[in-house]
């Protein structure tokens, strides 16, 4: 079975995800900054993430688009989605002392539980991409 079309589809989904995530943050930088300042981590971490997150997401888009770096992009997508899923899971399972606010975009409208479910699916998609590319 030729898995190439599945890799292209997974790559497309992840490129759209990361491009949307980065651009929604950059086009609403003030709102994103405010959201980061209300998270459960220290404010200095939020100041770093204000630029590091959208930049990382744009780098992921580049890695995924270039065939020679696509596997690195898949692994990086899996790592980032895994981290985001754990963070959202912390909100869902009330692990934090304070309830973090959502960071905007479509996910802010979903609520934490649905956001968590979507993140799990996206993490599994990234995992499938890694597995298919490693075959």
N, C-alpha and C. Protein backbone atom coordinates (compact mmCIF):
# COMPACT_ATOMS: atom_id res chain seq x y z
N UNK A 1 0.84 -1.19 0.00
CA UNK A 1 0.00 0.00 0.00
C UNK A 1 0.88 1.24 0.00
N UNK A 2 0.59 2.17 -0.89
CA UNK A 2 1.34 3.41 -0.98
C UNK A 2 0.79 4.39 0.06
N UNK A 3 1.60 4.77 1.03
CA UNK A 3 1.16 5.65 2.11
C UNK A 3 1.37 7.12 1.77
N UNK A 4 2.00 7.40 0.64
CA UNK A 4 2.34 8.77 0.29
C UNK A 4 1.15 9.74 0.37
N UNK A 5 -0.03 9.40 -0.15
CA UNK A 5 -1.16 10.35 -0.04
C UNK A 5 -1.53 10.66 1.42
N UNK A 6 -1.41 9.67 2.30
CA UNK A 6 -1.72 9.92 3.71
C UNK A 6 -0.72 10.88 4.33
N UNK A 7 0.53 10.76 3.97
CA UNK A 7 1.56 11.68 4.48
C UNK A 7 1.27 13.09 4.00
N UNK A 8 0.86 13.23 2.74
CA UNK A 8 0.53 14.55 2.20
C UNK A 8 -0.67 15.14 2.94
N UNK A 9 -1.68 14.33 3.19
CA UNK A 9 -2.87 14.81 3.91
C UNK A 9 -2.51 15.23 5.33
N UNK A 10 -1.74 14.39 6.03
CA UNK A 10 -1.33 14.71 7.40
C UNK A 10 -0.49 15.98 7.42
N UNK A 11 0.43 16.09 6.47
CA UNK A 11 1.27 17.29 6.37
C UNK A 11 0.39 18.51 6.16
N UNK A 12 -0.59 18.41 5.26
CA UNK A 12 -1.49 19.53 5.01
C UNK A 12 -2.27 19.96 6.24
N UNK A 13 -2.77 18.98 6.98
CA UNK A 13 -3.51 19.28 8.21
C UNK A 13 -2.61 20.00 9.21
N UNK A 14 -1.39 19.51 9.38
CA UNK A 14 -0.48 20.12 10.34
C UNK A 14 -0.01 21.50 9.89
N UNK A 15 0.24 21.67 8.60
CA UNK A 15 0.62 22.99 8.08
C UNK A 15 -0.50 23.99 8.35
N UNK A 16 -1.75 23.60 8.05
CA UNK A 16 -2.88 24.49 8.32
C UNK A 16 -3.01 24.80 9.81
N UNK A 17 -2.85 23.79 10.63
CA UNK A 17 -2.92 23.99 12.09
C UNK A 17 -1.90 25.01 12.57
N UNK A 18 -0.63 24.78 12.22
CA UNK A 18 0.44 25.65 12.72
C UNK A 18 0.37 27.04 12.10
N UNK A 19 0.01 27.13 10.82
CA UNK A 19 -0.11 28.45 10.19
C UNK A 19 -1.24 29.24 10.84
N UNK A 20 -2.38 28.58 11.05
CA UNK A 20 -3.50 29.25 11.71
C UNK A 20 -3.11 29.69 13.12
N UNK A 21 -2.48 28.79 13.86
CA UNK A 21 -2.10 29.09 15.24
C UNK A 21 -1.15 30.29 15.29
N UNK A 22 -0.15 30.30 14.44
CA UNK A 22 0.82 31.39 14.44
C UNK A 22 0.18 32.71 14.01
N UNK A 23 -0.54 32.67 12.90
CA UNK A 23 -1.12 33.91 12.37
C UNK A 23 -2.19 34.47 13.27
N UNK A 24 -3.00 33.62 13.90
CA UNK A 24 -4.02 34.14 14.82
C UNK A 24 -3.37 34.82 16.02
N UNK A 25 -2.23 34.30 16.46
CA UNK A 25 -1.51 34.94 17.56
C UNK A 25 -0.91 36.28 17.11
N UNK A 26 -0.28 36.28 15.95
CA UNK A 26 0.40 37.48 15.48
C UNK A 26 -0.59 38.59 15.11
N UNK A 27 -1.73 38.24 14.51
CA UNK A 27 -2.72 39.24 14.14
C UNK A 27 -3.50 39.77 15.33
N UNK A 28 -3.49 39.04 16.42
CA UNK A 28 -4.15 39.47 17.66
C UNK A 28 -3.13 39.46 18.80
N UNK A 29 -2.00 40.09 18.56
CA UNK A 29 -0.88 40.03 19.51
C UNK A 29 -1.26 40.58 20.89
N UNK A 30 -2.02 41.66 20.92
CA UNK A 30 -2.42 42.24 22.21
C UNK A 30 -3.27 41.24 23.01
N UNK A 31 -4.24 40.63 22.35
CA UNK A 31 -5.10 39.64 23.01
C UNK A 31 -4.28 38.42 23.45
N UNK A 32 -3.36 37.97 22.58
CA UNK A 32 -2.52 36.83 22.92
C UNK A 32 -1.63 37.16 24.12
N UNK A 33 -1.08 38.38 24.14
CA UNK A 33 -0.24 38.81 25.27
C UNK A 33 -1.05 38.79 26.56
N UNK A 34 -2.27 39.33 26.51
CA UNK A 34 -3.13 39.33 27.70
C UNK A 34 -3.42 37.90 28.16
N UNK A 35 -3.71 37.01 27.21
CA UNK A 35 -4.00 35.62 27.56
C UNK A 35 -2.78 34.96 28.22
N UNK A 36 -1.61 35.23 27.70
CA UNK A 36 -0.40 34.64 28.28
C UNK A 36 -0.15 35.15 29.70
N UNK A 37 -0.49 36.40 29.97
CA UNK A 37 -0.27 36.96 31.29
C UNK A 37 -1.23 36.40 32.34
N UNK A 38 -2.26 35.69 31.90
CA UNK A 38 -3.22 35.11 32.85
C UNK A 38 -3.07 33.59 32.95
N UNK A 39 -1.99 33.05 32.43
CA UNK A 39 -1.77 31.61 32.49
C UNK A 39 -1.19 31.21 33.84
N UNK A 40 -1.03 29.92 34.03
CA UNK A 40 -0.59 29.40 35.33
C UNK A 40 0.92 29.50 35.52
N UNK A 41 1.66 29.80 34.47
CA UNK A 41 3.11 29.91 34.59
C UNK A 41 3.50 31.35 34.91
N UNK A 42 4.75 31.57 35.35
CA UNK A 42 5.19 32.93 35.71
C UNK A 42 5.11 33.89 34.52
N UNK A 43 4.92 35.16 34.83
CA UNK A 43 4.77 36.18 33.79
C UNK A 43 5.98 36.24 32.85
N UNK A 44 7.18 36.01 33.39
CA UNK A 44 8.37 36.08 32.53
C UNK A 44 8.33 34.99 31.45
N UNK A 45 7.71 33.86 31.76
CA UNK A 45 7.57 32.79 30.76
C UNK A 45 6.61 33.26 29.67
N UNK A 46 5.54 33.93 30.06
CA UNK A 46 4.58 34.47 29.10
C UNK A 46 5.23 35.47 28.15
N UNK A 47 6.13 36.29 28.68
CA UNK A 47 6.81 37.28 27.84
C UNK A 47 7.69 36.60 26.79
N UNK A 48 8.29 35.50 27.15
CA UNK A 48 9.11 34.74 26.19
C UNK A 48 8.21 34.06 25.16
N UNK A 49 7.14 33.45 25.64
CA UNK A 49 6.23 32.70 24.76
C UNK A 49 5.49 33.61 23.78
N UNK A 50 5.35 34.89 24.11
CA UNK A 50 4.65 35.82 23.23
C UNK A 50 5.23 35.78 21.82
N UNK A 51 6.53 35.68 21.71
CA UNK A 51 7.17 35.62 20.40
C UNK A 51 7.66 34.22 20.06
N UNK A 52 8.03 33.45 21.07
CA UNK A 52 8.59 32.11 20.81
C UNK A 52 7.54 31.16 20.24
N UNK A 53 6.31 31.23 20.72
CA UNK A 53 5.28 30.31 20.22
C UNK A 53 4.94 30.56 18.74
N UNK A 54 4.59 31.79 18.35
CA UNK A 54 4.28 31.98 16.92
C UNK A 54 5.50 31.71 16.03
N UNK A 55 6.68 32.06 16.49
CA UNK A 55 7.88 31.79 15.70
C UNK A 55 8.09 30.29 15.55
N UNK A 56 7.92 29.54 16.62
CA UNK A 56 8.06 28.08 16.58
C UNK A 56 7.03 27.48 15.64
N UNK A 57 5.82 27.98 15.69
CA UNK A 57 4.76 27.46 14.82
C UNK A 57 5.06 27.74 13.35
N UNK A 58 5.60 28.92 13.06
CA UNK A 58 5.99 29.23 11.67
C UNK A 58 7.16 28.38 11.21
N UNK A 59 8.09 28.12 12.11
CA UNK A 59 9.22 27.23 11.78
C UNK A 59 8.69 25.83 11.47
N UNK A 60 7.71 25.37 12.24
CA UNK A 60 7.10 24.07 11.98
C UNK A 60 6.47 24.02 10.59
N UNK A 61 5.82 25.08 10.19
CA UNK A 61 5.23 25.14 8.84
C UNK A 61 6.33 24.93 7.80
N UNK A 62 7.44 25.66 7.98
CA UNK A 62 8.56 25.52 7.04
C UNK A 62 9.13 24.11 7.03
N UNK A 63 9.33 23.54 8.20
CA UNK A 63 9.86 22.17 8.28
C UNK A 63 8.95 21.17 7.59
N UNK A 64 7.66 21.34 7.75
CA UNK A 64 6.70 20.41 7.16
C UNK A 64 6.59 20.56 5.65
N UNK A 65 6.75 21.77 5.17
CA UNK A 65 6.62 22.02 3.73
C UNK A 65 7.82 21.47 2.95
N UNK A 66 9.00 21.59 3.51
CA UNK A 66 10.22 21.15 2.81
C UNK A 66 10.37 19.64 2.97
N UNK A 67 10.35 18.90 1.86
CA UNK A 67 10.40 17.43 1.95
C UNK A 67 11.59 16.89 2.75
N UNK A 68 12.75 17.53 2.65
CA UNK A 68 13.94 17.04 3.35
C UNK A 68 13.84 17.22 4.87
N UNK A 69 13.00 18.11 5.33
CA UNK A 69 12.87 18.36 6.78
C UNK A 69 11.51 17.93 7.32
N UNK A 70 10.70 17.30 6.47
CA UNK A 70 9.33 16.94 6.87
C UNK A 70 9.30 16.02 8.07
N UNK A 71 10.18 15.03 8.14
CA UNK A 71 10.18 14.11 9.29
C UNK A 71 10.50 14.87 10.58
N UNK A 72 11.44 15.77 10.52
CA UNK A 72 11.74 16.61 11.69
C UNK A 72 10.51 17.43 12.07
N UNK A 73 9.80 17.95 11.07
CA UNK A 73 8.57 18.70 11.33
C UNK A 73 7.50 17.84 11.95
N UNK A 74 7.42 16.58 11.52
CA UNK A 74 6.43 15.65 12.10
C UNK A 74 6.76 15.37 13.57
N UNK A 75 8.03 15.08 13.84
CA UNK A 75 8.43 14.83 15.23
C UNK A 75 8.21 16.08 16.09
N UNK A 76 8.55 17.24 15.54
CA UNK A 76 8.37 18.49 16.29
C UNK A 76 6.89 18.78 16.51
N UNK A 77 6.06 18.49 15.51
CA UNK A 77 4.61 18.66 15.67
C UNK A 77 4.07 17.74 16.76
N UNK A 78 4.56 16.51 16.77
CA UNK A 78 4.15 15.56 17.81
C UNK A 78 4.55 16.07 19.19
N UNK A 79 5.75 16.58 19.31
CA UNK A 79 6.23 17.11 20.59
C UNK A 79 5.40 18.32 21.03
N UNK A 80 5.18 19.26 20.11
CA UNK A 80 4.41 20.47 20.46
C UNK A 80 2.96 20.11 20.80
N UNK A 81 2.35 19.25 19.99
CA UNK A 81 0.96 18.88 20.26
C UNK A 81 0.87 18.11 21.57
N UNK A 82 1.85 17.26 21.84
CA UNK A 82 1.87 16.54 23.12
C UNK A 82 1.94 17.50 24.29
N UNK A 83 2.81 18.50 24.18
CA UNK A 83 2.94 19.50 25.26
C UNK A 83 1.66 20.30 25.42
N UNK A 84 1.08 20.76 24.31
CA UNK A 84 -0.17 21.52 24.39
C UNK A 84 -1.30 20.66 24.96
N UNK A 85 -1.34 19.41 24.60
CA UNK A 85 -2.38 18.51 25.09
C UNK A 85 -2.25 18.30 26.60
N UNK A 86 -1.03 18.12 27.06
CA UNK A 86 -0.81 17.99 28.51
C UNK A 86 -1.23 19.26 29.24
N UNK A 87 -0.91 20.42 28.68
CA UNK A 87 -1.26 21.69 29.30
C UNK A 87 -2.78 21.85 29.38
N UNK A 88 -3.46 21.58 28.27
CA UNK A 88 -4.92 21.68 28.25
C UNK A 88 -5.53 20.63 29.18
N UNK A 89 -4.93 19.44 29.21
CA UNK A 89 -5.39 18.40 30.12
C UNK A 89 -5.32 18.85 31.57
N UNK A 90 -4.32 19.64 31.90
CA UNK A 90 -4.22 20.20 33.25
C UNK A 90 -5.41 21.07 33.60
N UNK A 91 -5.89 21.82 32.61
CA UNK A 91 -7.08 22.66 32.85
C UNK A 91 -8.33 21.79 32.96
N UNK A 92 -8.43 20.78 32.10
CA UNK A 92 -9.61 19.90 32.11
C UNK A 92 -9.71 19.15 33.44
N UNK A 93 -8.59 18.65 33.92
CA UNK A 93 -8.59 17.85 35.15
C UNK A 93 -8.31 18.67 36.40
N UNK A 94 -8.38 20.00 36.25
CA UNK A 94 -8.27 20.95 37.37
C UNK A 94 -7.00 20.73 38.21
N UNK A 95 -5.89 20.60 37.52
CA UNK A 95 -4.60 20.41 38.19
C UNK A 95 -4.03 21.73 38.68
N UNK A 96 -4.36 22.82 38.01
CA UNK A 96 -3.79 24.12 38.33
C UNK A 96 -4.53 24.80 39.47
N UNK A 97 -3.81 25.64 40.22
CA UNK A 97 -4.43 26.41 41.30
C UNK A 97 -5.39 27.45 40.74
N UNK A 98 -5.02 28.04 39.61
CA UNK A 98 -5.90 28.99 38.95
C UNK A 98 -6.28 28.43 37.60
N UNK A 99 -7.40 28.86 37.09
CA UNK A 99 -7.90 28.36 35.81
C UNK A 99 -7.35 29.23 34.70
N UNK A 100 -6.50 28.69 33.84
CA UNK A 100 -5.93 29.53 32.78
C UNK A 100 -7.01 29.88 31.75
N UNK A 101 -6.84 31.05 31.14
CA UNK A 101 -7.79 31.41 30.08
C UNK A 101 -7.29 30.86 28.76
N UNK A 102 -8.19 30.66 27.82
CA UNK A 102 -7.81 30.17 26.50
C UNK A 102 -7.07 31.28 25.75
N UNK A 103 -6.28 30.90 24.78
CA UNK A 103 -5.43 31.86 24.09
C UNK A 103 -6.04 32.42 22.81
N UNK A 104 -7.31 32.29 22.61
CA UNK A 104 -7.94 32.92 21.46
C UNK A 104 -8.14 31.97 20.29
N UNK A 105 -8.66 32.53 19.21
CA UNK A 105 -8.89 31.74 18.02
C UNK A 105 -10.07 30.79 18.21
N UNK A 106 -10.13 29.80 17.35
CA UNK A 106 -11.22 28.81 17.40
C UNK A 106 -11.24 28.04 18.70
N UNK A 107 -10.05 27.72 19.23
CA UNK A 107 -9.98 26.88 20.41
C UNK A 107 -10.57 27.56 21.65
N UNK A 108 -10.50 28.87 21.72
CA UNK A 108 -11.07 29.58 22.87
C UNK A 108 -12.59 29.38 22.93
N UNK A 109 -13.22 29.21 21.77
CA UNK A 109 -14.67 29.04 21.71
C UNK A 109 -15.11 27.61 22.03
N UNK A 110 -14.18 26.67 21.99
CA UNK A 110 -14.52 25.27 22.21
C UNK A 110 -14.76 24.92 23.66
N UNK A 111 -14.11 25.62 24.56
CA UNK A 111 -14.10 25.22 25.95
C UNK A 111 -12.98 24.22 26.17
N UNK A 112 -12.58 24.04 27.42
CA UNK A 112 -11.40 23.22 27.71
C UNK A 112 -11.58 21.75 27.35
N UNK A 113 -12.74 21.21 27.65
CA UNK A 113 -12.95 19.77 27.40
C UNK A 113 -12.90 19.45 25.91
N UNK A 114 -13.60 20.23 25.09
CA UNK A 114 -13.56 19.99 23.64
C UNK A 114 -12.18 20.31 23.06
N UNK A 115 -11.55 21.34 23.60
CA UNK A 115 -10.18 21.67 23.19
C UNK A 115 -9.25 20.48 23.45
N UNK A 116 -9.43 19.86 24.59
CA UNK A 116 -8.63 18.69 24.95
C UNK A 116 -8.85 17.54 23.96
N UNK A 117 -10.10 17.29 23.61
CA UNK A 117 -10.41 16.22 22.65
C UNK A 117 -9.79 16.52 21.28
N UNK A 118 -9.90 17.76 20.82
CA UNK A 118 -9.31 18.14 19.53
C UNK A 118 -7.80 17.98 19.59
N UNK A 119 -7.19 18.38 20.69
CA UNK A 119 -5.73 18.24 20.83
C UNK A 119 -5.30 16.78 20.80
N UNK A 120 -6.07 15.91 21.42
CA UNK A 120 -5.74 14.49 21.38
C UNK A 120 -5.76 13.99 19.94
N UNK A 121 -6.79 14.36 19.20
CA UNK A 121 -6.89 13.94 17.79
C UNK A 121 -5.71 14.48 16.99
N UNK A 122 -5.37 15.75 17.18
CA UNK A 122 -4.25 16.34 16.44
C UNK A 122 -2.92 15.70 16.84
N UNK A 123 -2.78 15.35 18.10
CA UNK A 123 -1.57 14.64 18.54
C UNK A 123 -1.48 13.28 17.87
N UNK A 124 -2.60 12.58 17.79
CA UNK A 124 -2.62 11.27 17.12
C UNK A 124 -2.34 11.40 15.62
N UNK A 125 -2.81 12.48 15.01
CA UNK A 125 -2.50 12.73 13.60
C UNK A 125 -1.01 12.93 13.41
N UNK A 126 -0.39 13.72 14.28
CA UNK A 126 1.06 13.93 14.20
C UNK A 126 1.80 12.60 14.42
N UNK A 127 1.34 11.80 15.37
CA UNK A 127 1.95 10.49 15.62
C UNK A 127 1.83 9.61 14.39
N UNK A 128 0.67 9.62 13.75
CA UNK A 128 0.49 8.83 12.53
C UNK A 128 1.46 9.29 11.45
N UNK A 129 1.68 10.59 11.34
CA UNK A 129 2.63 11.12 10.38
C UNK A 129 4.04 10.62 10.63
N UNK A 130 4.44 10.62 11.89
CA UNK A 130 5.78 10.11 12.25
C UNK A 130 5.89 8.64 11.89
N UNK A 131 4.89 7.87 12.27
CA UNK A 131 4.93 6.42 12.01
C UNK A 131 4.97 6.13 10.52
N UNK A 132 4.12 6.80 9.74
CA UNK A 132 4.10 6.56 8.31
C UNK A 132 5.40 6.99 7.63
N UNK A 133 5.97 8.08 8.09
CA UNK A 133 7.24 8.52 7.48
C UNK A 133 8.41 7.64 7.87
N UNK A 134 8.33 7.00 9.02
CA UNK A 134 9.42 6.14 9.47
C UNK A 134 9.34 4.74 8.85
N UNK A 135 8.21 4.42 8.20
CA UNK A 135 8.05 3.08 7.59
C UNK A 135 8.90 2.95 6.35
